Amino acid sequence: MSFFLSKHDLQKIVGLNRFNLICLIGKFAETKGINCFLVGGVVRDAVLGIGNKDIDFLVEGDGIKFSLEVKEFFKEKNYRIISSNSFKKYKTSKISLVYEEEELGLDFSSSRTEIYESPGASPIVEKGTLYEDSKRRDFSINSMSMHIGEENFGLINDFFNGLRDIKERKIRILHPFSFRDDGARLIRAVRFMVRFNFFLEEDLTKKCFKEGVSAGYLNFLKPFRLLDEFKKAFREEKNLDILKELDKLGLISSLLTFLPKEASSKNLDIIYNSKEHFNEELWRLVISNMCVNCDKDELFTALKSFNMSKKDIVKIVRY
C-alpha cells in the first residue's frame, strides 16, 4: 500500500518558508528531468508528526551539479546566497540562502553506495541507485525518501519497512555490519531510543548492538568524530536520560580511550544527582567530571586530539 504525506502535513512539519523552497526545488527538478527526493530525518519526523527544520535532498544522478543549478536558479529569483560548498569525495553539497528574510540551509547528495574497508574507516563512495542509497542508511526509520515533484508529491519510498518500524516503535539496522561500519550508530541508536521512546529490534539489531559494544567499535572512530556524536546526543531535550543510558550500556567509557589514564566514568554521579537542567554545557561537564582527578597539563594535551576550540578546552579544564 502506498503512503502519501499531504502538502498541508509537510508544511506543518517544516514551516511555510522551507515548504515553499521544497516545492520550488521539486518543480525545478521536474523541468530538468531529474529525480529529486526529500530524505532522512525530515521524512521520518513528518510521518511521526514532529517538527524538523533540516532539509536534505537526494538526487538520482549528480547531486553537486544539480545543487549548482539550483543556486543559479535562486540567484535569478534574487534570493541572497550566503554560501555554497561542495564535497566531491562524498558527492554532497550545501547551500545557505536568505528566503523571505529567513536564513535557511539546504543539503544535497547524490544517490550512492558506501563501502567500509575496516571499522571506523571513511567509506569508499560510488554512484548508486535510490534503493542502494536507502540501504546504506543507519536505521530503517531513516531510510525513507519522499517525492517532491508535482506528479507524485508526498509519495514515500519505503524499501526497508521504515513505516512499519515507526508504527511498532523499533530501531532496526539494515544489515549485520551496520555498527561495525560506523560505530557512531551505537550512540545514535540510543539517542533515537530515548528521543522517541523506541526500542532496539529484538533479533539482529539487539544482537549486533551488543557485539558492537563488546568489540569497542566506538574506539575505532577518530576522537573528533566520537565527540561530535556525543555532542549531538547531549543537545537533545532528554539529554540527561541519554547520558544515563549511554553510561549504563558502557558507551560513555569510549571517551576514556582518548583521555588521561586517571579519567573515570564513575565520576558522573555528581551530574546524575544534580537537579539542574543541562543544555549545551552537558558535554563539557561530562568530560570535566570524568577527568576531575587528571593532571591539568595532561588533560589539556589530551583534549587537543578532539579538535576542540581553545575556549572549550579552557572551560573543561577550569570546571
Protein backbone atom coordinates (compact mmCIF):
# COMPACT_ATOMS: atom_id res chain seq x y z
CA MET A 1 0.00 0.00 0.00
CA SER A 2 1.34 3.45 -0.96
CA PHE A 3 1.74 6.09 1.72
CA PHE A 4 1.38 9.77 0.84
CA LEU A 5 2.20 12.75 3.01
CA SER A 6 -0.04 15.70 2.22
CA LYS A 7 1.36 19.15 1.44
CA HIS A 8 -0.54 20.50 4.40
CA ASP A 9 1.09 17.99 6.77
CA LEU A 10 4.58 18.64 5.40
CA GLN A 11 4.12 22.39 5.77
CA LYS A 12 3.19 21.91 9.44
CA ILE A 13 6.39 19.92 9.98
CA VAL A 14 8.94 22.15 8.25
CA GLY A 15 7.26 25.58 8.29
CA LEU A 16 5.98 27.70 5.41
CA ASN A 17 9.33 29.00 4.09
CA ARG A 18 11.01 25.60 3.99
CA PHE A 19 7.89 24.06 2.48
CA ASN A 20 7.85 26.65 -0.32
CA LEU A 21 11.53 26.01 -1.07
CA ILE A 22 10.94 22.26 -1.20
CA CYS A 23 8.11 22.77 -3.70
CA LEU A 24 10.24 25.15 -5.77
CA ILE A 25 13.11 22.68 -5.96
CA GLY A 26 10.75 19.83 -6.76
CA LYS A 27 9.25 21.74 -9.70
CA PHE A 28 12.70 22.87 -10.87
CA ALA A 29 13.96 19.27 -10.80
CA GLU A 30 10.99 18.17 -12.91
CA THR A 31 11.78 20.77 -15.58
CA LYS A 32 15.31 19.33 -15.72
CA GLY A 33 14.09 15.73 -15.88
CA ILE A 34 15.83 14.97 -12.57
CA ASN A 35 14.55 12.71 -9.81
CA CYS A 36 14.94 14.62 -6.55
CA PHE A 37 13.66 13.44 -3.19
CA LEU A 38 13.38 14.64 0.38
CA VAL A 39 15.27 12.19 2.60
CA GLY A 40 16.36 11.37 6.13
CA GLY A 41 15.11 12.67 9.43
CA VAL A 42 12.61 15.12 7.99
CA VAL A 43 10.69 12.29 6.29
CA ARG A 44 10.76 10.21 9.47
CA ASP A 45 9.57 13.14 11.59
CA ALA A 46 6.89 14.07 9.07
CA VAL A 47 5.46 10.56 9.46
CA LEU A 48 5.67 10.94 13.24
CA GLY A 49 4.11 14.42 13.11
CA ILE A 50 7.16 16.05 14.73
CA GLY A 51 8.67 19.38 13.62
CA ASN A 52 12.00 19.22 11.78
CA LYS A 53 13.99 22.09 10.27
CA ASP A 54 16.55 20.01 8.32
CA ILE A 55 16.10 19.96 4.56
CA ASP A 56 18.03 17.11 2.92
CA PHE A 57 17.65 16.37 -0.77
CA LEU A 58 18.72 13.24 -2.60
CA VAL A 59 19.34 13.37 -6.34
CA GLU A 60 19.41 10.31 -8.58
CA GLY A 61 22.43 11.38 -10.57
CA ASP A 62 24.86 14.22 -9.90
CA GLY A 63 23.71 15.96 -6.72
CA ILE A 64 26.53 18.50 -6.78
CA LYS A 65 25.78 19.56 -10.34
CA PHE A 66 22.08 19.87 -9.53
CA SER A 67 22.79 21.98 -6.43
CA LEU A 68 24.81 24.41 -8.58
CA GLU A 69 21.88 24.66 -10.98
CA VAL A 70 19.57 25.31 -8.02
CA LYS A 71 21.94 28.00 -6.81
CA GLU A 72 21.79 29.78 -10.20
CA PHE A 73 18.01 29.35 -10.27
CA PHE A 74 17.76 31.09 -6.88
CA LYS A 75 20.09 33.87 -7.99
CA GLU A 76 17.81 34.54 -10.95
CA LYS A 77 14.97 34.92 -8.45
CA ASN A 78 17.13 37.40 -6.49
CA TYR A 79 17.42 35.23 -3.39
CA ARG A 80 20.56 36.11 -1.47
CA ILE A 81 23.04 33.22 -1.42
CA ILE A 82 25.11 33.31 1.77
CA SER A 83 27.39 30.38 0.96
CA SER A 84 27.68 27.19 -1.05
CA ASN A 85 30.11 24.32 -0.63
CA SER A 86 30.70 21.01 -2.39
CA PHE A 87 32.34 17.85 -1.04
CA LYS A 88 33.28 15.77 -4.08
CA LYS A 89 34.61 12.81 -2.06
CA TYR A 90 31.17 12.20 -0.56
CA LYS A 91 29.17 13.57 -3.50
CA THR A 92 27.40 16.14 -1.30
CA SER A 93 26.90 19.90 -1.24
CA LYS A 94 25.33 22.64 0.88
CA ILE A 95 23.65 25.94 0.10
CA SER A 96 22.78 28.64 2.64
CA LEU A 97 20.45 31.39 1.50
CA VAL A 98 18.01 34.02 2.71
CA TYR A 99 14.39 33.34 1.80
CA GLU A 100 11.61 35.65 2.99
CA GLU A 101 14.07 37.20 5.48
CA GLU A 102 14.88 33.77 6.99
CA GLU A 103 18.31 32.15 6.69
CA LEU A 104 17.90 28.55 5.53
CA GLY A 105 20.29 25.70 4.82
CA LEU A 106 19.83 23.09 2.10
CA ASP A 107 21.79 19.82 1.84
CA PHE A 108 22.12 17.90 -1.41
CA SER A 109 23.58 14.46 -2.01
CA SER A 110 23.90 12.09 -4.95
CA SER A 111 22.37 8.64 -4.58
CA ARG A 112 25.35 6.48 -3.66
CA THR A 113 26.78 3.32 -2.18
CA GLU A 114 29.29 3.24 0.67
CA ILE A 115 31.89 0.54 1.30
CA TYR A 116 33.76 0.44 4.62
CA GLU A 117 37.05 -1.46 4.37
CA SER A 118 37.52 -1.54 8.15
CA PRO A 119 35.65 -0.43 11.30
CA GLY A 120 35.55 3.35 11.63
CA ALA A 121 37.20 3.95 8.26
CA SER A 122 35.94 6.64 5.90
CA PRO A 123 33.67 5.00 3.33
CA ILE A 124 34.53 4.49 -0.31
CA VAL A 125 31.70 6.28 -2.10
CA GLU A 126 30.38 5.24 -5.51
CA LYS A 127 27.40 6.28 -7.62
CA GLY A 128 24.30 4.26 -6.75
CA THR A 129 20.56 3.99 -7.17
CA LEU A 130 17.84 5.29 -4.86
CA TYR A 131 17.42 1.76 -3.47
CA GLU A 132 21.17 1.39 -2.83
CA ASP A 133 21.28 4.77 -1.15
CA SER A 134 18.40 3.80 1.12
CA LYS A 135 20.20 0.56 2.01
CA ARG A 136 23.33 2.38 3.24
CA ARG A 137 21.34 4.30 5.89
CA ASP A 138 21.79 3.69 9.60
CA PHE A 139 18.26 2.54 10.51
CA SER A 140 15.07 1.65 8.67
CA ILE A 141 13.25 4.68 10.11
CA ASN A 142 15.84 6.93 8.41
CA SER A 143 15.87 5.09 5.09
CA MET A 144 12.68 6.54 3.63
CA SER A 145 12.52 9.14 0.85
CA MET A 146 9.68 11.34 -0.40
CA HIS A 147 8.81 12.55 -3.90
CA ILE A 148 8.69 16.36 -4.19
CA GLY A 149 7.72 16.73 -7.86
CA GLU A 150 4.16 17.78 -8.65
CA GLU A 151 3.13 14.44 -10.16
CA ASN A 152 3.78 12.27 -7.10
CA PHE A 153 4.27 14.86 -4.36
CA GLY A 154 4.24 13.26 -0.93
CA LEU A 155 4.65 9.65 -2.10
CA ILE A 156 7.05 7.92 0.29
CA ASN A 157 9.52 5.30 -0.90
CA ASP A 158 9.91 2.74 1.88
CA PHE A 159 12.13 -0.10 0.67
CA PHE A 160 13.02 -1.34 4.16
CA ASN A 161 9.76 -1.08 6.13
CA GLY A 162 10.56 2.12 8.00
CA LEU A 163 6.84 2.93 8.24
CA ARG A 164 6.16 -0.39 9.91
CA ASP A 165 9.04 0.09 12.34
CA ILE A 166 7.78 3.56 13.28
CA LYS A 167 4.37 2.08 13.99
CA GLU A 168 5.98 -0.69 16.08
CA ARG A 169 8.45 1.76 17.72
CA LYS A 170 11.53 -0.15 16.57
CA ILE A 171 15.12 0.90 15.88
CA ARG A 172 16.31 -1.59 13.26
CA ILE A 173 19.56 -1.80 11.30
CA LEU A 174 19.51 -2.77 7.63
CA HIS A 175 22.40 -5.26 7.57
CA PRO A 176 24.56 -7.12 10.12
CA PHE A 177 27.67 -4.98 9.56
CA SER A 178 25.98 -1.65 10.26
CA PHE A 179 27.55 -0.94 13.67
CA ARG A 180 30.92 -2.30 12.55
CA ASP A 181 30.94 0.01 9.53
CA ASP A 182 30.15 3.07 11.63
CA GLY A 183 30.43 2.76 15.40
CA ALA A 184 28.76 6.17 15.80
CA ARG A 185 25.50 4.37 15.07
CA LEU A 186 25.68 2.85 18.55
CA ILE A 187 25.32 6.32 20.08
CA ARG A 188 22.72 7.29 17.51
CA ALA A 189 20.61 4.24 18.31
CA VAL A 190 20.47 5.24 21.98
CA ARG A 191 19.67 8.84 21.03
CA PHE A 192 16.66 7.77 18.94
CA MET A 193 15.54 5.21 21.53
CA VAL A 194 15.32 7.88 24.20
CA ARG A 195 14.00 10.67 21.97
CA PHE A 196 11.13 8.64 20.51
CA ASN A 197 10.69 6.10 23.31
CA PHE A 198 11.54 3.34 20.81
CA PHE A 199 13.43 0.11 21.45
CA LEU A 200 16.01 -1.98 19.63
CA GLU A 201 14.56 -4.59 17.30
CA GLU A 202 14.88 -7.86 19.21
CA ASP A 203 16.69 -10.07 16.72
CA LEU A 204 19.50 -8.77 14.50
CA THR A 205 19.73 -5.22 15.85
CA LYS A 206 19.94 -6.08 19.54
CA LYS A 207 22.47 -8.84 18.85
CA CYS A 208 24.68 -6.61 16.69
CA PHE A 209 24.39 -3.73 19.16
CA LYS A 210 25.73 -5.91 22.00
CA GLU A 211 28.50 -7.20 19.73
CA GLY A 212 29.37 -3.62 18.77
CA VAL A 213 29.70 -2.55 22.40
CA SER A 214 31.79 -5.61 23.29
CA ALA A 215 34.04 -5.17 20.26
CA GLY A 216 34.58 -1.50 21.09
CA TYR A 217 33.56 -0.20 17.69
CA LEU A 218 33.37 3.35 19.08
CA ASN A 219 37.10 3.19 19.79
CA PHE A 220 37.79 2.93 16.06
CA LEU A 221 36.33 6.40 15.45
CA LYS A 222 38.60 9.40 15.30
CA PRO A 223 38.37 11.44 18.54
CA PHE A 224 36.73 14.49 16.94
CA ARG A 225 34.06 12.32 15.29
CA LEU A 226 33.34 10.48 18.53
CA LEU A 227 32.95 13.77 20.37
CA ASP A 228 30.72 15.18 17.63
CA GLU A 229 28.33 12.25 18.01
CA PHE A 230 28.21 12.70 21.79
CA LYS A 231 27.57 16.43 21.32
CA LYS A 232 24.55 15.65 19.13
CA ALA A 233 23.25 13.29 21.80
CA PHE A 234 23.70 15.86 24.57
CA ARG A 235 21.88 18.58 22.61
CA GLU A 236 18.70 16.51 22.81
CA GLU A 237 15.85 17.62 25.04
CA LYS A 238 16.21 14.40 27.08
CA ASN A 239 19.99 14.69 27.22
CA LEU A 240 20.39 13.54 30.81
CA ASP A 241 18.32 10.41 30.14
CA ILE A 242 20.50 9.74 27.10
CA LEU A 243 23.66 10.19 29.16
CA LYS A 244 22.42 7.70 31.76
CA GLU A 245 21.53 5.17 29.08
CA LEU A 246 24.89 5.59 27.32
CA ASP A 247 26.66 5.13 30.63
CA LYS A 248 24.57 2.07 31.56
CA LEU A 249 25.36 0.44 28.21
CA GLY A 250 29.09 1.13 28.56
CA LEU A 251 29.33 3.61 25.67
CA ILE A 252 30.45 6.68 27.61
CA SER A 253 33.64 4.83 28.55
CA SER A 254 34.75 5.04 24.89
CA LEU A 255 35.87 8.59 25.66
CA LEU A 256 38.39 7.18 28.14
CA THR A 257 40.44 5.85 25.22
CA PHE A 258 41.46 9.41 24.40
CA LEU A 259 41.66 10.87 27.92
CA PRO A 260 44.38 10.64 30.62
CA LYS A 261 44.57 7.28 32.42
CA GLU A 262 43.15 8.78 35.64
CA ALA A 263 39.85 9.61 33.90
CA SER A 264 36.82 7.62 35.03
CA SER A 265 33.14 7.41 34.13
CA LYS A 266 32.45 6.70 37.82
CA ASN A 267 32.72 10.43 38.45
CA LEU A 268 29.44 11.21 36.68
CA ASP A 269 27.28 10.78 39.80
CA ILE A 270 27.51 14.49 40.56
CA ILE A 271 25.70 15.18 37.27
CA TYR A 272 23.07 12.47 37.85
CA ASN A 273 22.35 13.75 41.36
CA SER A 274 22.01 17.36 40.25
CA LYS A 275 18.55 18.88 39.87
CA GLU A 276 19.73 21.31 37.21
CA HIS A 277 18.56 21.22 33.59
CA PHE A 278 21.64 20.87 31.43
CA ASN A 279 21.81 22.27 27.91
CA GLU A 280 24.80 22.98 25.65
CA GLU A 281 27.15 22.69 28.61
CA LEU A 282 26.46 19.00 29.27
CA TRP A 283 29.15 17.55 27.01
CA ARG A 284 31.79 19.73 28.64
CA LEU A 285 30.56 18.83 32.12
CA VAL A 286 30.71 15.12 31.29
CA ILE A 287 34.35 15.28 30.21
CA SER A 288 35.29 17.60 33.07
CA ASN A 289 33.74 15.29 35.68
CA MET A 290 35.34 12.23 34.13
CA CYS A 291 38.70 13.99 34.39
CA VAL A 292 38.36 15.53 37.86
CA ASN A 293 41.42 13.58 39.08
CA CYS A 294 43.53 14.15 35.97
CA ASP A 295 46.65 16.25 35.74
CA LYS A 296 45.65 19.57 34.12
CA ASP A 297 48.55 19.62 31.66
CA GLU A 298 47.89 16.04 30.56
CA LEU A 299 44.21 16.82 30.19
CA PHE A 300 44.92 19.92 28.12
CA THR A 301 47.08 17.86 25.76
CA ALA A 302 44.52 15.05 25.51
CA LEU A 303 41.67 17.42 24.69
CA LYS A 304 43.56 18.78 21.70
CA SER A 305 43.07 15.40 19.98
CA PHE A 306 39.32 16.14 19.82
CA ASN A 307 39.92 19.24 17.67
CA MET A 308 38.20 21.36 20.32
CA SER A 309 38.48 25.11 20.35
CA LYS A 310 40.88 26.54 22.89
CA LYS A 311 37.87 28.19 24.56
CA ASP A 312 36.20 24.79 25.10
CA ILE A 313 39.41 23.22 26.39
CA VAL A 314 39.91 26.01 28.92
CA LYS A 315 36.29 25.68 30.11
CA ILE A 316 36.65 21.95 30.67
CA VAL A 317 39.97 22.24 32.49
CA ARG A 318 38.64 25.03 34.74
CA TYR A 319 35.26 23.48 35.69
